[in-house]
Amino acid sequence: MEGDGMSATDKVKEADWRLFRSRLPIWQEAYMERLNREYIALLSGTGSASEKFWELERRMREDKRRGGVVMRMSRNDMELNLLSLLSDGVISIAELDGFSEELREKLAFVLRDHRDWDHGDS
């Protein structure tokens, strides 16, 4: 059954998709710069060399799974990818300037709903 006859790809506006493709590498680079600063602070901090090494290894393993580092460029997954970037703190709602109002409102609604659910609000 095809439902409304539109695939997820058809529902993503072309302008939003082009903007996402152009901004994702910029967002990822800025996020990795931030991670590098955090890693430098970790390595420059107190503790033994082995403690710092293993903490850095743990952090890098965890961070590599985040959308700010690795993300499959998929039109079908664009909205989920944007939600991941927002929830991981890679980007902010303000950085969605230029995207369609419909998309920004949808993402803001989902994030607000998710935060309410996380905090046990009804």
PDB file of N, CA and C in Angstrom:
ATOM      1  N   MET A   1       0.851  -1.182   0.000  1.00  0.00           N
ATOM      2  CA  MET A   1       0.000   0.000   0.000  1.00  0.00           C
ATOM      3  C   MET A   1       0.889   1.235   0.000  1.00  0.00           C
ATOM      4  N   GLU A   2       0.559   2.192  -0.837  1.00  0.00           N
ATOM      5  CA  GLU A   2       1.371   3.386  -1.015  1.00  0.00           C
ATOM      6  C   GLU A   2       0.940   4.558  -0.142  1.00  0.00           C
ATOM      7  N   GLY A   3      -0.175   4.456   0.549  1.00  0.00           N
ATOM      8  CA  GLY A   3      -0.627   5.557   1.397  1.00  0.00           C
ATOM      9  C   GLY A   3      -1.014   6.749   0.566  1.00  0.00           C
ATOM     10  N   ASP A   4      -0.338   7.887   0.805  1.00  0.00           N
ATOM     11  CA  ASP A   4      -0.688   9.102   0.073  1.00  0.00           C
ATOM     12  C   ASP A   4       0.047   9.211  -1.263  1.00  0.00           C
ATOM     13  N   GLY A   5       0.796   8.161  -1.614  1.00  0.00           N
ATOM     14  CA  GLY A   5       1.505   8.162  -2.885  1.00  0.00           C
ATOM     15  C   GLY A   5       2.809   8.926  -2.860  1.00  0.00           C
ATOM     16  N   MET A   6       3.198   9.437  -1.700  1.00  0.00           N
ATOM     17  CA  MET A   6       4.439  10.195  -1.593  1.00  0.00           C
ATOM     18  C   MET A   6       5.436   9.434  -0.735  1.00  0.00           C
ATOM     19  N   SER A   7       6.641   9.318  -1.229  1.00  0.00           N
ATOM     20  CA  SER A   7       7.698   8.707  -0.433  1.00  0.00           C
ATOM     21  C   SER A   7       8.288   9.766   0.488  1.00  0.00           C
ATOM     22  N   ALA A   8       9.116   9.327   1.440  1.00  0.00           N
ATOM     23  CA  ALA A   8       9.776  10.285   2.344  1.00  0.00           C
ATOM     24  C   ALA A   8      10.634  11.264   1.541  1.00  0.00           C
ATOM     25  N   THR A   9      11.236  10.768   0.453  1.00  0.00           N
ATOM     26  CA  THR A   9      12.063  11.623  -0.391  1.00  0.00           C
ATOM     27  C   THR A   9      11.235  12.737  -1.006  1.00  0.00           C
ATOM     28  N   ASP A  10       9.998  12.409  -1.434  1.00  0.00           N
ATOM     29  CA  ASP A  10       9.122  13.413  -2.045  1.00  0.00           C
ATOM     30  C   ASP A  10       8.723  14.489  -1.041  1.00  0.00           C
ATOM     31  N   LYS A  11       8.672  14.154   0.227  1.00  0.00           N
ATOM     32  CA  LYS A  11       8.213  15.094   1.247  1.00  0.00           C
ATOM     33  C   LYS A  11       9.302  16.082   1.667  1.00  0.00           C
ATOM     34  N   VAL A  12      10.548  15.757   1.385  1.00  0.00           N
ATOM     35  CA  VAL A  12      11.655  16.654   1.723  1.00  0.00           C
ATOM     36  C   VAL A  12      11.765  17.688   0.613  1.00  0.00           C
ATOM     37  N   LYS A  13      11.653  18.946   0.998  1.00  0.00           N
ATOM     38  CA  LYS A  13      11.740  20.013   0.002  1.00  0.00           C
ATOM     39  C   LYS A  13      13.146  20.073  -0.570  1.00  0.00           C
ATOM     40  N   GLU A  14      13.217  20.277  -1.866  1.00  0.00           N
ATOM     41  CA  GLU A  14      14.504  20.313  -2.555  1.00  0.00           C
ATOM     42  C   GLU A  14      15.430  21.370  -1.959  1.00  0.00           C
ATOM     43  N   ALA A  15      14.901  22.541  -1.644  1.00  0.00           N
ATOM     44  CA  ALA A  15      15.737  23.611  -1.075  1.00  0.00           C
ATOM     45  C   ALA A  15      16.299  23.200   0.289  1.00  0.00           C
ATOM     46  N   ASP A  16      15.485  22.507   1.104  1.00  0.00           N
ATOM     47  CA  ASP A  16      15.964  22.039   2.409  1.00  0.00           C
ATOM     48  C   ASP A  16      17.060  20.992   2.223  1.00  0.00           C
ATOM     49  N   TRP A  17      16.874  20.105   1.270  1.00  0.00           N
ATOM     50  CA  TRP A  17      17.853  19.048   1.015  1.00  0.00           C
ATOM     51  C   TRP A  17      19.183  19.647   0.540  1.00  0.00           C
ATOM     52  N   ARG A  18      19.123  20.607  -0.369  1.00  0.00           N
ATOM     53  CA  ARG A  18      20.354  21.252  -0.850  1.00  0.00           C
ATOM     54  C   ARG A  18      21.072  21.971   0.288  1.00  0.00           C
ATOM     55  N   LEU A  19      20.300  22.668   1.121  1.00  0.00           N
ATOM     56  CA  LEU A  19      20.889  23.397   2.241  1.00  0.00           C
ATOM     57  C   LEU A  19      21.521  22.430   3.246  1.00  0.00           C
ATOM     58  N   PHE A  20      20.833  21.341   3.534  1.00  0.00           N
ATOM     59  CA  PHE A  20      21.376  20.326   4.439  1.00  0.00           C
ATOM     60  C   PHE A  20      22.706  19.785   3.907  1.00  0.00           C
ATOM     61  N   ARG A  21      22.730  19.428   2.631  1.00  0.00           N
ATOM     62  CA  ARG A  21      23.953  18.879   2.029  1.00  0.00           C
ATOM     63  C   ARG A  21      25.108  19.873   2.079  1.00  0.00           C
ATOM     64  N   SER A  22      24.801  21.152   1.930  1.00  0.00           N
ATOM     65  CA  SER A  22      25.876  22.138   1.951  1.00  0.00           C
ATOM     66  C   SER A  22      26.354  22.451   3.371  1.00  0.00           C
ATOM     67  N   ARG A  23      25.452  22.392   4.340  1.00  0.00           N
ATOM     68  CA  ARG A  23      25.818  22.761   5.715  1.00  0.00           C
ATOM     69  C   ARG A  23      26.381  21.613   6.544  1.00  0.00           C
ATOM     70  N   LEU A  24      25.991  20.384   6.239  1.00  0.00           N
ATOM     71  CA  LEU A  24      26.437  19.260   7.067  1.00  0.00           C
ATOM     72  C   LEU A  24      27.955  19.195   7.222  1.00  0.00           C
ATOM     73  N   PRO A  25      28.744  19.280   6.150  1.00  0.00           N
ATOM     74  CA  PRO A  25      30.200  19.239   6.337  1.00  0.00           C
ATOM     75  C   PRO A  25      30.724  20.383   7.204  1.00  0.00           C
ATOM     76  N   ILE A  26      30.120  21.548   7.098  1.00  0.00           N
ATOM     77  CA  ILE A  26      30.537  22.708   7.905  1.00  0.00           C
ATOM     78  C   ILE A  26      30.218  22.446   9.374  1.00  0.00           C
ATOM     79  N   TRP A  27      29.011  21.963   9.649  1.00  0.00           N
ATOM     80  CA  TRP A  27      28.616  21.644  11.022  1.00  0.00           C
ATOM     81  C   TRP A  27      29.515  20.564  11.612  1.00  0.00           C
ATOM     82  N   GLN A  28      29.818  19.543  10.813  1.00  0.00           N
ATOM     83  CA  GLN A  28      30.656  18.458  11.309  1.00  0.00           C
ATOM     84  C   GLN A  28      32.067  18.949  11.609  1.00  0.00           C
ATOM     85  N   GLU A  29      32.601  19.779  10.747  1.00  0.00           N
ATOM     86  CA  GLU A  29      33.953  20.305  10.970  1.00  0.00           C
ATOM     87  C   GLU A  29      33.998  21.144  12.247  1.00  0.00           C
ATOM     88  N   ALA A  30      32.996  21.998  12.455  1.00  0.00           N
ATOM     89  CA  ALA A  30      32.950  22.822  13.667  1.00  0.00           C
ATOM     90  C   ALA A  30      32.816  21.944  14.909  1.00  0.00           C
ATOM     91  N   TYR A  31      32.012  20.896  14.813  1.00  0.00           N
ATOM     92  CA  TYR A  31      31.843  19.987  15.946  1.00  0.00           C
ATOM     93  C   TYR A  31      33.153  19.268  16.261  1.00  0.00           C
ATOM     94  N   MET A  32      33.865  18.809  15.232  1.00  0.00           N
ATOM     95  CA  MET A  32      35.133  18.114  15.469  1.00  0.00           C
ATOM     96  C   MET A  32      36.182  19.067  16.025  1.00  0.00           C
ATOM     97  N   GLU A  33      36.128  20.340  15.639  1.00  0.00           N
ATOM     98  CA  GLU A  33      37.022  21.340  16.242  1.00  0.00           C
ATOM     99  C   GLU A  33      36.750  21.438  17.738  1.00  0.00           C
ATOM    100  N   ARG A  34      35.462  21.476  18.099  1.00  0.00           N
ATOM    101  CA  ARG A  34      35.080  21.528  19.508  1.00  0.00           C
ATOM    102  C   ARG A  34      35.562  20.276  20.242  1.00  0.00           C
ATOM    103  N   LEU A  35      35.375  19.114  19.622  1.00  0.00           N
ATOM    104  CA  LEU A  35      35.851  17.875  20.244  1.00  0.00           C
ATOM    105  C   LEU A  35      37.364  17.914  20.434  1.00  0.00           C
ATOM    106  N   ASN A  36      38.093  18.389  19.434  1.00  0.00           N
ATOM    107  CA  ASN A  36      39.554  18.464  19.544  1.00  0.00           C
ATOM    108  C   ASN A  36      39.970  19.336  20.726  1.00  0.00           C
ATOM    109  N   ARG A  37      39.280  20.460  20.912  1.00  0.00           N
ATOM    110  CA  ARG A  37      39.596  21.324  22.068  1.00  0.00           C
ATOM    111  C   ARG A  37      39.330  20.575  23.381  1.00  0.00           C
ATOM    112  N   GLU A  38      38.230  19.825  23.425  1.00  0.00           N
ATOM    113  CA  GLU A  38      37.914  19.047  24.624  1.00  0.00           C
ATOM    114  C   GLU A  38      38.972  17.962  24.859  1.00  0.00           C
ATOM    115  N   TYR A  39      39.428  17.330  23.788  1.00  0.00           N
ATOM    116  CA  TYR A  39      40.463  16.281  23.917  1.00  0.00           C
ATOM    117  C   TYR A  39      41.778  16.884  24.409  1.00  0.00           C
ATOM    118  N   ILE A  40      42.130  18.056  23.890  1.00  0.00           N
ATOM    119  CA  ILE A  40      43.361  18.727  24.326  1.00  0.00           C
ATOM    120  C   ILE A  40      43.263  19.061  25.809  1.00  0.00           C
ATOM    121  N   ALA A  41      42.106  19.560  26.237  1.00  0.00           N
ATOM    122  CA  ALA A  41      41.919  19.873  27.657  1.00  0.00           C
ATOM    123  C   ALA A  41      42.027  18.606  28.500  1.00  0.00           C
ATOM    124  N   LEU A  42      41.462  17.527  28.018  1.00  0.00           N
ATOM    125  CA  LEU A  42      41.543  16.263  28.742  1.00  0.00           C
ATOM    126  C   LEU A  42      43.005  15.825  28.882  1.00  0.00           C
ATOM    127  N   LEU A  43      43.749  15.877  27.787  1.00  0.00           N
ATOM    128  CA  LEU A  43      45.144  15.448  27.808  1.00  0.00           C
ATOM    129  C   LEU A  43      46.030  16.399  28.609  1.00  0.00           C
ATOM    130  N   SER A  44      45.635  17.648  28.710  1.00  0.00           N
ATOM    131  CA  SER A  44      46.414  18.644  29.452  1.00  0.00           C
ATOM    132  C   SER A  44      46.055  18.666  30.936  1.00  0.00           C
ATOM    133  N   GLY A  45      45.010  17.957  31.303  1.00  0.00           N
ATOM    134  CA  GLY A  45      44.535  17.969  32.681  1.00  0.00           C
ATOM    135  C   GLY A  45      45.382  17.125  33.615  1.00  0.00           C
ATOM    136  N   THR A  46      44.865  16.995  34.813  1.00  0.00           N
ATOM    137  CA  THR A  46      45.585  16.221  35.815  1.00  0.00           C
ATOM    138  C   THR A  46      45.294  14.737  35.646  1.00  0.00           C
ATOM    139  N   GLY A  47      46.128  13.949  36.250  1.00  0.00           N
ATOM    140  CA  GLY A  47      45.971  12.499  36.176  1.00  0.00           C
ATOM    141  C   GLY A  47      47.170  11.880  35.478  1.00  0.00           C
ATOM    142  N   SER A  48      47.219  10.574  35.565  1.00  0.00           N
ATOM    143  CA  SER A  48      48.346   9.870  34.951  1.00  0.00           C
ATOM    144  C   SER A  48      48.160   9.812  33.436  1.00  0.00           C
ATOM    145  N   ALA A  49      49.265   9.585  32.743  1.00  0.00           N
ATOM    146  CA  ALA A  49      49.222   9.480  31.282  1.00  0.00           C
ATOM    147  C   ALA A  49      48.291   8.354  30.848  1.00  0.00           C
ATOM    148  N   SER A  50      48.325   7.249  31.570  1.00  0.00           N
ATOM    149  CA  SER A  50      47.469   6.124  31.174  1.00  0.00           C
ATOM    150  C   SER A  50      45.996   6.432  31.407  1.00  0.00           C
ATOM    151  N   GLU A  51      45.677   7.116  32.506  1.00  0.00           N
ATOM    152  CA  GLU A  51      44.281   7.495  32.747  1.00  0.00           C
ATOM    153  C   GLU A  51      43.768   8.421  31.651  1.00  0.00           C
ATOM    154  N   LYS A  52      44.583   9.387  31.285  1.00  0.00           N
ATOM    155  CA  LYS A  52      44.175  10.325  30.244  1.00  0.00           C
ATOM    156  C   LYS A  52      44.053   9.626  28.895  1.00  0.00           C
ATOM    157  N   PHE A  53      44.974   8.724  28.603  1.00  0.00           N
ATOM    158  CA  PHE A  53      44.922   7.980  27.340  1.00  0.00           C
ATOM    159  C   PHE A  53      43.636   7.176  27.234  1.00  0.00           C
ATOM    160  N   TRP A  54      43.318   6.423  28.284  1.00  0.00           N
ATOM    161  CA  TRP A  54      42.131   5.566  28.220  1.00  0.00           C
ATOM    162  C   TRP A  54      40.836   6.374  28.229  1.00  0.00           C
ATOM    163  N   GLU A  55      40.836   7.503  28.914  1.00  0.00           N
ATOM    164  CA  GLU A  55      39.659   8.363  28.879  1.00  0.00           C
ATOM    165  C   GLU A  55      39.482   8.953  27.479  1.00  0.00           C
ATOM    166  N   LEU A  56      40.579   9.362  26.863  1.00  0.00           N
ATOM    167  CA  LEU A  56      40.508   9.879  25.494  1.00  0.00           C
ATOM    168  C   LEU A  56      40.013   8.791  24.546  1.00  0.00           C
ATOM    169  N   GLU A  57      40.503   7.599  24.692  1.00  0.00           N
ATOM    170  CA  GLU A  57      40.077   6.496  23.825  1.00  0.00           C
ATOM    171  C   GLU A  57      38.585   6.230  23.987  1.00  0.00           C
ATOM    172  N   ARG A  58      38.095   6.254  25.224  1.00  0.00           N
ATOM    173  CA  ARG A  58      36.669   6.038  25.489  1.00  0.00           C
ATOM    174  C   ARG A  58      35.836   7.151  24.850  1.00  0.00           C
ATOM    175  N   ARG A  59      36.260   8.379  25.061  1.00  0.00           N
ATOM    176  CA  ARG A  59      35.543   9.523  24.496  1.00  0.00           C
ATOM    177  C   ARG A  59      35.503   9.466  22.975  1.00  0.00           C
ATOM    178  N   MET A  60      36.624   9.149  22.353  1.00  0.00           N
ATOM    179  CA  MET A  60      36.661   9.104  20.897  1.00  0.00           C
ATOM    180  C   MET A  60      35.762   7.996  20.352  1.00  0.00           C
ATOM    181  N   ARG A  61      35.767   6.876  21.014  1.00  0.00           N
ATOM    182  CA  ARG A  61      34.900   5.756  20.594  1.00  0.00           C
ATOM    183  C   ARG A  61      33.435   6.184  20.677  1.00  0.00           C
ATOM    184  N   GLU A  62      33.068   6.859  21.749  1.00  0.00           N
ATOM    185  CA  GLU A  62      31.700   7.353  21.937  1.00  0.00           C
ATOM    186  C   GLU A  62      31.366   8.455  20.921  1.00  0.00           C
ATOM    187  N   ASP A  63      32.275   9.393  20.740  1.00  0.00           N
ATOM    188  CA  ASP A  63      32.033  10.532  19.858  1.00  0.00           C
ATOM    189  C   ASP A  63      31.950  10.131  18.386  1.00  0.00           C
ATOM    190  N   LYS A  64      32.648   9.086  17.994  1.00  0.00           N
ATOM    191  CA  LYS A  64      32.620   8.654  16.591  1.00  0.00           C
ATOM    192  C   LYS A  64      31.242   8.186  16.158  1.00  0.00           C
ATOM    193  N   ARG A  65      30.413   7.821  17.100  1.00  0.00           N
ATOM    194  CA  ARG A  65      29.061   7.344  16.770  1.00  0.00           C
ATOM    195  C   ARG A  65      28.069   8.495  16.613  1.00  0.00           C
ATOM    196  N   ARG A  66      28.461   9.690  16.946  1.00  0.00           N
ATOM    197  CA  ARG A  66      27.564  10.849  16.878  1.00  0.00           C
ATOM    198  C   ARG A  66      27.494  11.404  15.454  1.00  0.00           C
ATOM    199  N   GLY A  67      26.341  11.975  15.139  1.00  0.00           N
ATOM    200  CA  GLY A  67      26.127  12.551  13.821  1.00  0.00           C
ATOM    201  C   GLY A  67      27.053  13.690  13.485  1.00  0.00           C
ATOM    202  N   GLY A  68      27.591  14.330  14.504  1.00  0.00           N
ATOM    203  CA  GLY A  68      28.524  15.409  14.248  1.00  0.00           C
ATOM    204  C   GLY A  68      29.827  14.936  13.658  1.00  0.00           C
ATOM    205  N   VAL A  69      30.099  13.636  13.788  1.00  0.00           N
ATOM    206  CA  VAL A  69      31.331  13.067  13.259  1.00  0.00           C
ATOM    207  C   VAL A  69      31.043  12.249  11.999  1.00  0.00           C
ATOM    208  N   VAL A  70      30.111  11.327  12.096  1.00  0.00           N
ATOM    209  CA  VAL A  70      29.787  10.446  10.972  1.00  0.00           C
ATOM    210  C   VAL A  70      28.277  10.469  10.756  1.00  0.00           C
ATOM    211  N   MET A  71      27.877  10.728   9.522  1.00  0.00           N
ATOM    212  CA  MET A  71      26.450  10.728   9.211  1.00  0.00           C
ATOM    213  C   MET A  71      26.274  10.321   7.757  1.00  0.00           C
ATOM    214  N   ARG A  72      25.371   9.414   7.536  1.00  0.00           N
ATOM    215  CA  ARG A  72      25.050   8.996   6.176  1.00  0.00           C
ATOM    216  C   ARG A  72      24.213  10.097   5.522  1.00  0.00           C
ATOM    217  N   MET A  73      24.667  10.575   4.370  1.00  0.00           N
ATOM    218  CA  MET A  73      23.973  11.635   3.655  1.00  0.00           C
ATOM    219  C   MET A  73      22.805  10.998   2.901  1.00  0.00           C
ATOM    220  N   SER A  74      21.640  11.046   3.516  1.00  0.00           N
ATOM    221  CA  SER A  74      20.460  10.413   2.947  1.00  0.00           C
ATOM    222  C   SER A  74      19.282  11.380   3.002  1.00  0.00           C
ATOM    223  N   ARG A  75      18.671  11.573   1.856  1.00  0.00           N
ATOM    224  CA  ARG A  75      17.510  12.461   1.807  1.00  0.00           C
ATOM    225  C   ARG A  75      16.376  11.891   2.660  1.00  0.00           C
ATOM    226  N   ASN A  76      16.213  10.570   2.637  1.00  0.00           N
ATOM    227  CA  ASN A  76      15.161   9.929   3.429  1.00  0.00           C
ATOM    228  C   ASN A  76      15.355  10.148   4.922  1.00  0.00           C
ATOM    229  N   ASP A  77      16.603  10.270   5.360  1.00  0.00           N
ATOM    230  CA  ASP A  77      16.914  10.400   6.783  1.00  0.00           C
ATOM    231  C   ASP A  77      17.228  11.827   7.203  1.00  0.00           C
ATOM    232  N   MET A  78      17.049  12.791   6.318  1.00  0.00           N
ATOM    233  CA  MET A  78      17.464  14.162   6.614  1.00  0.00           C
ATOM    234  C   MET A  78      16.853  14.697   7.903  1.00  0.00           C
ATOM    235  N   GLU A  79      15.557  14.531   8.092  1.00  0.00           N
ATOM    236  CA  GLU A  79      14.912  15.069   9.290  1.00  0.00           C
ATOM    237  C   GLU A  79      15.438  14.376  10.547  1.00  0.00           C
ATOM    238  N   LEU A  80      15.588  13.064  10.495  1.00  0.00           N
ATOM    239  CA  LEU A  80      16.143  12.338  11.646  1.00  0.00           C
ATOM    240  C   LEU A  80      17.581  12.766  11.908  1.00  0.00           C
ATOM    241  N   ASN A  81      18.340  12.983  10.846  1.00  0.00           N
ATOM    242  CA  ASN A  81      19.721  13.443  11.003  1.00  0.00           C
ATOM    243  C   ASN A  81      19.767  14.821  11.657  1.00  0.00           C
ATOM    244  N   LEU A  82      18.878  15.707  11.234  1.00  0.00           N
ATOM    245  CA  LEU A  82      18.829  17.036  11.853  1.00  0.00           C
ATOM    246  C   LEU A  82      18.453  16.939  13.326  1.00  0.00           C
ATOM    247  N   LEU A  83      17.503  16.075  13.655  1.00  0.00           N
ATOM    248  CA  LEU A  83      17.133  15.871  15.061  1.00  0.00           C
ATOM    249  C   LEU A  83      18.314  15.341  15.861  1.00  0.00           C
ATOM    250  N   SER A  84      19.058  14.430  15.287  1.00  0.00           N
ATOM    251  CA  SER A  84      20.246  13.893  15.952  1.00  0.00           C
ATOM    252  C   SER A  84      21.277  14.995  16.190  1.00  0.00           C
ATOM    253  N   LEU A  85      21.519  15.819  15.175  1.00  0.00           N
ATOM    254  CA  LEU A  85      22.474  16.918  15.319  1.00  0.00           C
ATOM    255  C   LEU A  85      22.028  17.898  16.397  1.00  0.00           C
ATOM    256  N   LEU A  86      20.741  18.169  16.446  1.00  0.00           N
ATOM    257  CA  LEU A  86      20.201  19.078  17.456  1.00  0.00           C
ATOM    258  C   LEU A  86      20.289  18.467  18.851  1.00  0.00           C
ATOM    259  N   SER A  87      19.875  17.226  18.997  1.00  0.00           N
ATOM    260  CA  SER A  87      19.852  16.615  20.330  1.00  0.00           C
ATOM    261  C   SER A  87      21.251  16.334  20.860  1.00  0.00           C
ATOM    262  N   ASP A  88      22.226  16.122  19.969  1.00  0.00           N
ATOM    263  CA  ASP A  88      23.613  15.905  20.398  1.00  0.00           C
ATOM    264  C   ASP A  88      24.361  17.212  20.644  1.00  0.00           C
ATOM    265  N   GLY A  89      23.699  18.336  20.384  1.00  0.00           N
ATOM    266  CA  GLY A  89      24.342  19.629  20.608  1.00  0.00           C
ATOM    267  C   GLY A  89      25.341  20.012  19.530  1.00  0.00           C
ATOM    268  N   VAL A  90      25.282  19.344  18.382  1.00  0.00           N
ATOM    269  CA  VAL A  90      26.179  19.677  17.280  1.00  0.00           C
ATOM    270  C   VAL A  90      25.772  21.014  16.674  1.00  0.00           C
ATOM    271  N   ILE A  91      24.450  21.220  16.559  1.00  0.00           N
ATOM    272  CA  ILE A  91      23.907  22.473  16.045  1.00  0.00           C
ATOM    273  C   ILE A  91      22.789  22.931  16.974  1.00  0.00           C
ATOM    274  N   SER A  92      22.377  24.177  16.780  1.00  0.00           N
ATOM    275  CA  SER A  92      21.252  24.721  17.536  1.00  0.00           C
ATOM    276  C   SER A  92      20.115  25.028  16.571  1.00  0.00           C
ATOM    277  N   ILE A  93      18.946  25.266  17.116  1.00  0.00           N
ATOM    278  CA  ILE A  93      17.796  25.638  16.289  1.00  0.00           C
ATOM    279  C   ILE A  93      18.136  26.883  15.455  1.00  0.00           C
ATOM    280  N   ALA A  94      18.896  27.806  16.026  1.00  0.00           N
ATOM    281  CA  ALA A  94      19.259  29.029  15.300  1.00  0.00           C
ATOM    282  C   ALA A  94      20.038  28.720  14.021  1.00  0.00           C
ATOM    283  N   GLU A  95      20.770  27.623  14.003  1.00  0.00           N
ATOM    284  CA  GLU A  95      21.553  27.264  12.826  1.00  0.00           C
ATOM    285  C   GLU A  95      20.703  26.666  11.704  1.00  0.00           C
ATOM    286  N   LEU A  96      19.411  26.538  11.943  1.00  0.00           N
ATOM    287  CA  LEU A  96      18.501  26.066  10.900  1.00  0.00           C
ATOM    288  C   LEU A  96      17.936  27.224  10.089  1.00  0.00           C
ATOM    289  N   ASP A  97      18.443  28.430  10.346  1.00  0.00           N
ATOM    290  CA  ASP A  97      18.021  29.596   9.582  1.00  0.00           C
ATOM    291  C   ASP A  97      18.246  29.312   8.098  1.00  0.00           C
ATOM    292  N   GLY A  98      17.252  29.600   7.300  1.00  0.00           N
ATOM    293  CA  GLY A  98      17.338  29.346   5.870  1.00  0.00           C
ATOM    294  C   GLY A  98      16.563  28.116   5.436  1.00  0.00           C
ATOM    295  N   PHE A  99      16.347  27.198   6.369  1.00  0.00           N
ATOM    296  CA  PHE A  99      15.519  26.032   6.066  1.00  0.00           C
ATOM    297  C   PHE A  99      14.059  26.486   6.068  1.00  0.00           C
ATOM    298  N   SER A 100      13.199  25.685   5.460  1.00  0.00           N
ATOM    299  CA  SER A 100      11.786  26.058   5.380  1.00  0.00           C
ATOM    300  C   SER A 100      11.204  26.192   6.787  1.00  0.00           C
ATOM    301  N   GLU A 101      10.251  27.098   6.900  1.00  0.00           N
ATOM    302  CA  GLU A 101       9.578  27.306   8.186  1.00  0.00           C
ATOM    303  C   GLU A 101       8.898  26.019   8.639  1.00  0.00           C
ATOM    304  N   GLU A 102       8.316  25.306   7.687  1.00  0.00           N
ATOM    305  CA  GLU A 102       7.632  24.041   7.992  1.00  0.00           C
ATOM    306  C   GLU A 102       8.591  23.045   8.652  1.00  0.00           C
ATOM    307  N   LEU A 103       9.784  22.909   8.101  1.00  0.00           N
ATOM    308  CA  LEU A 103      10.764  21.975   8.653  1.00  0.00           C
ATOM    309  C   LEU A 103      11.236  22.432  10.028  1.00  0.00           C
ATOM    310  N   ARG A 104      11.545  23.725  10.176  1.00  0.00           N
ATOM    311  CA  ARG A 104      12.009  24.236  11.469  1.00  0.00           C
ATOM    312  C   ARG A 104      10.950  24.045  12.555  1.00  0.00           C
ATOM    313  N   GLU A 105       9.689  24.304  12.216  1.00  0.00           N
ATOM    314  CA  GLU A 105       8.607  24.123  13.194  1.00  0.00           C
ATOM    315  C   GLU A 105       8.445  22.658  13.565  1.00  0.00           C
ATOM    316  N   LYS A 106       8.536  21.784  12.581  1.00  0.00           N
ATOM    317  CA  LYS A 106       8.409  20.350  12.836  1.00  0.00           C
ATOM    318  C   LYS A 106       9.522  19.865  13.772  1.00  0.00           C
ATOM    319  N   LEU A 107      10.751  20.272  13.497  1.00  0.00           N
ATOM    320  CA  LEU A 107      11.882  19.858  14.329  1.00  0.00           C
ATOM    321  C   LEU A 107      11.762  20.429  15.740  1.00  0.00           C
ATOM    322  N   ALA A 108      11.382  21.692  15.844  1.00  0.00           N
ATOM    323  CA  ALA A 108      11.215  22.320  17.159  1.00  0.00           C
ATOM    324  C   ALA A 108      10.135  21.606  17.954  1.00  0.00           C
ATOM    325  N   PHE A 109       9.036  21.254  17.300  1.00  0.00           N
ATOM    326  CA  PHE A 109       7.939  20.543  17.957  1.00  0.00           C
ATOM    327  C   PHE A 109       8.411  19.186  18.477  1.00  0.00           C
ATOM    328  N   VAL A 110       9.101  18.435  17.642  1.00  0.00           N
ATOM    329  CA  VAL A 110       9.581  17.108  18.050  1.00  0.00           C
ATOM    330  C   VAL A 110      10.559  17.230  19.209  1.00  0.00           C
ATOM    331  N   LEU A 111      11.470  18.195  19.140  1.00  0.00           N
ATOM    332  CA  LEU A 111      12.431  18.385  20.231  1.00  0.00           C
ATOM    333  C   LEU A 111      11.736  18.790  21.524  1.00  0.00           C
ATOM    334  N   ARG A 112      10.782  19.688  21.429  1.00  0.00           N
ATOM    335  CA  ARG A 112      10.036  20.142  22.605  1.00  0.00           C
ATOM    336  C   ARG A 112       9.270  18.970  23.212  1.00  0.00           C
ATOM    337  N   ASP A 113       8.603  18.204  22.368  1.00  0.00           N
ATOM    338  CA  ASP A 113       7.841  17.045  22.817  1.00  0.00           C
ATOM    339  C   ASP A 113       8.765  16.023  23.470  1.00  0.00           C
ATOM    340  N   HIS A 114       9.924  15.805  22.875  1.00  0.00           N
ATOM    341  CA  HIS A 114      10.899  14.847  23.406  1.00  0.00           C
ATOM    342  C   HIS A 114      11.427  15.308  24.764  1.00  0.00           C
ATOM    343  N   ARG A 115      11.722  16.586  24.879  1.00  0.00           N
ATOM    344  CA  ARG A 115      12.229  17.120  26.151  1.00  0.00           C
ATOM    345  C   ARG A 115      11.155  17.028  27.246  1.00  0.00           C
ATOM    346  N   ASP A 116       9.902  17.323  26.870  1.00  0.00           N
ATOM    347  CA  ASP A 116       8.806  17.199  27.834  1.00  0.00           C
ATOM    348  C   ASP A 116       8.672  15.757  28.310  1.00  0.00           C
ATOM    349  N   TRP A 117       8.793  14.830  27.388  1.00  0.00           N
ATOM    350  CA  TRP A 117       8.667  13.406  27.714  1.00  0.00           C
ATOM    351  C   TRP A 117       9.835  12.975  28.606  1.00  0.00           C
ATOM    352  N   ASP A 118      11.063  13.440  28.290  1.00  0.00           N
ATOM    353  CA  ASP A 118      12.226  13.110  29.109  1.00  0.00           C
ATOM    354  C   ASP A 118      12.101  13.602  30.531  1.00  0.00           C
ATOM    355  N   HIS A 119      11.418  14.744  30.726  1.00  0.00           N
ATOM    356  CA  HIS A 119      11.279  15.327  32.053  1.00  0.00           C
ATOM    357  C   HIS A 119      10.001  14.888  32.748  1.00  0.00           C
ATOM    358  N   GLY A 120       9.251  13.979  32.130  1.00  0.00           N
ATOM    359  CA  GLY A 120       8.057  13.450  32.756  1.00  0.00           C
ATOM    360  C   GLY A 120       6.874  14.392  32.738  1.00  0.00           C
ATOM    361  N   ASP A 121       6.933  15.452  31.901  1.00  0.00           N
ATOM    362  CA  ASP A 121       5.819  16.396  31.803  1.00  0.00           C
ATOM    363  C   ASP A 121       4.688  15.754  31.014  1.00  0.00           C
ATOM    364  N   SER A 122       3.480  16.159  31.307  1.00  0.00           N
ATOM    365  CA  SER A 122       2.338  15.612  30.579  1.00  0.00           C
ATOM    366  C   SER A 122       1.812  16.607  29.593  1.00  0.00           C
TER     367      SER A 122
END
